[in-house]
Amino acid sequence: MFYVKNVPNWERALRIILGTMALVFAVMYWGKSDLAAAAGVVSAILSMTGLMGFCPMCAMVGRKLDKRN
């Protein structure tokens, strides 16, 4: 692997759930609200970081997981 996981399992699940909710909002309000496109982008970012377990922003600030997780 080219990256080290830096997102704990509980946060990964939360990111996937919130990403799914943002995607549902984006689909429901596409064309009706300017926030729909932003919600689509946010949903993609949250879902991908949740699925991969790696967050580039967290890596930039030096976040690391405990070896116990």
N, C-alpha and C. Protein backbone atom coordinates (compact mmCIF):
# COMPACT_ATOMS: atom_id res chain seq x y z
N MET A 1 0.83 -1.18 0.00
CA MET A 1 0.00 0.00 0.00
C MET A 1 0.88 1.25 0.00
N PHE A 2 0.35 2.28 -0.60
CA PHE A 2 1.09 3.53 -0.69
C PHE A 2 0.72 4.50 0.42
N TYR A 3 -0.19 4.15 1.26
CA TYR A 3 -0.61 5.03 2.33
C TYR A 3 -0.83 4.22 3.60
N VAL A 4 -0.79 4.92 4.72
CA VAL A 4 -1.04 4.30 6.02
C VAL A 4 -2.39 4.81 6.50
N LYS A 5 -3.25 3.93 6.92
CA LYS A 5 -4.58 4.34 7.37
C LYS A 5 -4.45 5.28 8.57
N ASN A 6 -5.18 6.37 8.50
CA ASN A 6 -5.14 7.34 9.59
C ASN A 6 -6.53 7.74 10.07
N VAL A 7 -7.53 6.94 9.72
CA VAL A 7 -8.90 7.19 10.15
C VAL A 7 -9.38 5.96 10.92
N PRO A 8 -9.79 6.13 12.19
CA PRO A 8 -10.25 4.97 12.96
C PRO A 8 -11.56 4.40 12.41
N ASN A 9 -11.84 3.16 12.78
CA ASN A 9 -13.01 2.45 12.23
C ASN A 9 -14.33 3.17 12.52
N TRP A 10 -14.49 3.71 13.73
CA TRP A 10 -15.75 4.39 14.05
C TRP A 10 -15.93 5.63 13.17
N GLU A 11 -14.83 6.32 12.88
CA GLU A 11 -14.92 7.51 12.04
C GLU A 11 -15.13 7.13 10.57
N ARG A 12 -14.57 6.01 10.15
CA ARG A 12 -14.80 5.53 8.79
C ARG A 12 -16.29 5.27 8.58
N ALA A 13 -16.93 4.60 9.54
CA ALA A 13 -18.36 4.32 9.43
C ALA A 13 -19.17 5.62 9.40
N LEU A 14 -18.80 6.57 10.24
CA LEU A 14 -19.49 7.85 10.28
C LEU A 14 -19.34 8.60 8.95
N ARG A 15 -18.15 8.57 8.37
CA ARG A 15 -17.93 9.24 7.09
C ARG A 15 -18.76 8.61 5.98
N ILE A 16 -18.86 7.29 5.98
CA ILE A 16 -19.66 6.62 4.95
C ILE A 16 -21.13 6.96 5.11
N ILE A 17 -21.63 6.98 6.33
CA ILE A 17 -23.03 7.33 6.57
C ILE A 17 -23.32 8.77 6.16
N LEU A 18 -22.46 9.70 6.57
CA LEU A 18 -22.67 11.11 6.22
C LEU A 18 -22.51 11.34 4.71
N GLY A 19 -21.59 10.62 4.09
CA GLY A 19 -21.43 10.72 2.64
C GLY A 19 -22.66 10.25 1.90
N THR A 20 -23.26 9.17 2.39
CA THR A 20 -24.49 8.66 1.78
C THR A 20 -25.63 9.66 1.95
N MET A 21 -25.72 10.25 3.12
CA MET A 21 -26.77 11.25 3.36
C MET A 21 -26.59 12.47 2.45
N ALA A 22 -25.35 12.91 2.27
CA ALA A 22 -25.08 14.05 1.39
C ALA A 22 -25.40 13.70 -0.06
N LEU A 23 -25.13 12.46 -0.45
CA LEU A 23 -25.45 12.03 -1.81
C LEU A 23 -26.95 12.01 -2.04
N VAL A 24 -27.71 11.55 -1.06
CA VAL A 24 -29.17 11.54 -1.17
C VAL A 24 -29.70 12.97 -1.31
N PHE A 25 -29.15 13.89 -0.52
CA PHE A 25 -29.56 15.29 -0.62
C PHE A 25 -29.25 15.84 -2.01
N ALA A 26 -28.05 15.53 -2.52
CA ALA A 26 -27.65 16.03 -3.84
C ALA A 26 -28.57 15.50 -4.94
N VAL A 27 -28.94 14.24 -4.85
CA VAL A 27 -29.82 13.66 -5.87
C VAL A 27 -31.22 14.25 -5.78
N MET A 28 -31.72 14.43 -4.57
CA MET A 28 -33.08 14.95 -4.39
C MET A 28 -33.22 16.40 -4.87
N TYR A 29 -32.18 17.21 -4.65
CA TYR A 29 -32.29 18.64 -4.94
C TYR A 29 -31.47 19.07 -6.14
N TRP A 30 -31.03 18.13 -6.99
CA TRP A 30 -30.23 18.49 -8.16
C TRP A 30 -31.05 19.38 -9.09
N GLY A 31 -30.51 20.53 -9.41
CA GLY A 31 -31.20 21.47 -10.29
C GLY A 31 -32.13 22.43 -9.56
N LYS A 32 -32.49 22.12 -8.33
CA LYS A 32 -33.39 22.98 -7.56
C LYS A 32 -32.62 23.86 -6.58
N SER A 33 -31.44 23.42 -6.19
CA SER A 33 -30.67 24.14 -5.19
C SER A 33 -29.20 24.22 -5.61
N ASP A 34 -28.58 25.34 -5.31
CA ASP A 34 -27.15 25.49 -5.60
C ASP A 34 -26.30 24.61 -4.69
N LEU A 35 -26.84 24.24 -3.56
CA LEU A 35 -26.09 23.41 -2.63
C LEU A 35 -25.99 21.95 -3.07
N ALA A 36 -26.77 21.55 -4.04
CA ALA A 36 -26.78 20.15 -4.47
C ALA A 36 -25.43 19.74 -5.05
N ALA A 37 -24.82 20.59 -5.86
CA ALA A 37 -23.51 20.26 -6.44
C ALA A 37 -22.45 20.18 -5.35
N ALA A 38 -22.50 21.09 -4.40
CA ALA A 38 -21.54 21.06 -3.30
C ALA A 38 -21.73 19.81 -2.44
N ALA A 39 -22.98 19.44 -2.23
CA ALA A 39 -23.26 18.22 -1.46
C ALA A 39 -22.76 16.99 -2.19
N GLY A 40 -22.82 17.00 -3.51
CA GLY A 40 -22.30 15.88 -4.29
C GLY A 40 -20.80 15.75 -4.15
N VAL A 41 -20.09 16.86 -4.17
CA VAL A 41 -18.63 16.84 -3.99
C VAL A 41 -18.27 16.38 -2.59
N VAL A 42 -18.97 16.90 -1.59
CA VAL A 42 -18.72 16.51 -0.20
C VAL A 42 -19.00 15.03 0.00
N SER A 43 -20.06 14.53 -0.62
CA SER A 43 -20.38 13.12 -0.47
C SER A 43 -19.30 12.23 -1.07
N ALA A 44 -18.74 12.65 -2.20
CA ALA A 44 -17.67 11.87 -2.82
C ALA A 44 -16.42 11.85 -1.93
N ILE A 45 -16.07 12.98 -1.37
CA ILE A 45 -14.88 13.06 -0.51
C ILE A 45 -15.08 12.24 0.75
N LEU A 46 -16.22 12.41 1.41
CA LEU A 46 -16.47 11.67 2.64
C LEU A 46 -16.51 10.16 2.40
N SER A 47 -17.17 9.75 1.35
CA SER A 47 -17.28 8.33 1.06
C SER A 47 -15.93 7.71 0.73
N MET A 48 -15.14 8.38 -0.07
CA MET A 48 -13.84 7.82 -0.45
C MET A 48 -12.89 7.75 0.74
N THR A 49 -12.86 8.77 1.58
CA THR A 49 -11.97 8.71 2.74
C THR A 49 -12.46 7.66 3.73
N GLY A 50 -13.77 7.47 3.80
CA GLY A 50 -14.30 6.44 4.69
C GLY A 50 -14.01 5.04 4.17
N LEU A 51 -14.13 4.83 2.88
CA LEU A 51 -13.87 3.51 2.31
C LEU A 51 -12.39 3.16 2.33
N MET A 52 -11.52 4.14 2.05
CA MET A 52 -10.09 3.86 2.01
C MET A 52 -9.44 3.87 3.39
N GLY A 53 -10.01 4.61 4.32
CA GLY A 53 -9.42 4.71 5.65
C GLY A 53 -8.26 5.68 5.72
N PHE A 54 -8.10 6.48 4.68
CA PHE A 54 -7.01 7.45 4.62
C PHE A 54 -7.57 8.81 4.27
N CYS A 55 -7.19 9.81 5.03
CA CYS A 55 -7.63 11.18 4.79
C CYS A 55 -6.38 12.03 4.54
N PRO A 56 -6.23 12.61 3.35
CA PRO A 56 -5.04 13.42 3.07
C PRO A 56 -4.91 14.63 3.99
N MET A 57 -6.03 15.26 4.36
CA MET A 57 -5.95 16.42 5.25
C MET A 57 -5.47 16.02 6.64
N CYS A 58 -5.92 14.85 7.11
CA CYS A 58 -5.46 14.36 8.41
C CYS A 58 -3.97 14.03 8.36
N ALA A 59 -3.51 13.51 7.22
CA ALA A 59 -2.09 13.19 7.07
C ALA A 59 -1.25 14.46 7.06
N MET A 60 -1.78 15.54 6.49
CA MET A 60 -1.02 16.79 6.45
C MET A 60 -0.78 17.37 7.83
N VAL A 61 -1.71 17.16 8.74
CA VAL A 61 -1.54 17.68 10.09
C VAL A 61 -0.86 16.67 11.02
N GLY A 62 -0.50 15.51 10.48
CA GLY A 62 0.27 14.53 11.25
C GLY A 62 -0.55 13.54 12.06
N ARG A 63 -1.79 13.35 11.73
CA ARG A 63 -2.65 12.43 12.47
C ARG A 63 -2.25 10.99 12.18
N LYS A 64 -2.10 10.19 13.24
CA LYS A 64 -1.76 8.78 13.11
C LYS A 64 -2.66 7.96 14.03
N LEU A 65 -2.89 6.72 13.66
CA LEU A 65 -3.68 5.82 14.48
C LEU A 65 -2.82 5.15 15.53
N ASP A 66 -3.46 4.78 16.64
CA ASP A 66 -2.79 3.93 17.61
C ASP A 66 -2.53 2.58 16.97
N LYS A 67 -1.50 1.91 17.39
CA LYS A 67 -1.23 0.56 16.86
C LYS A 67 -2.26 -0.44 17.33
N ARG A 68 -3.00 -0.12 18.38
CA ARG A 68 -4.03 -1.03 18.90
C ARG A 68 -5.24 -1.13 17.98
N ASN A 69 -5.52 -0.09 17.17
CA ASN A 69 -6.72 -0.07 16.32
C ASN A 69 -6.52 -0.85 15.07
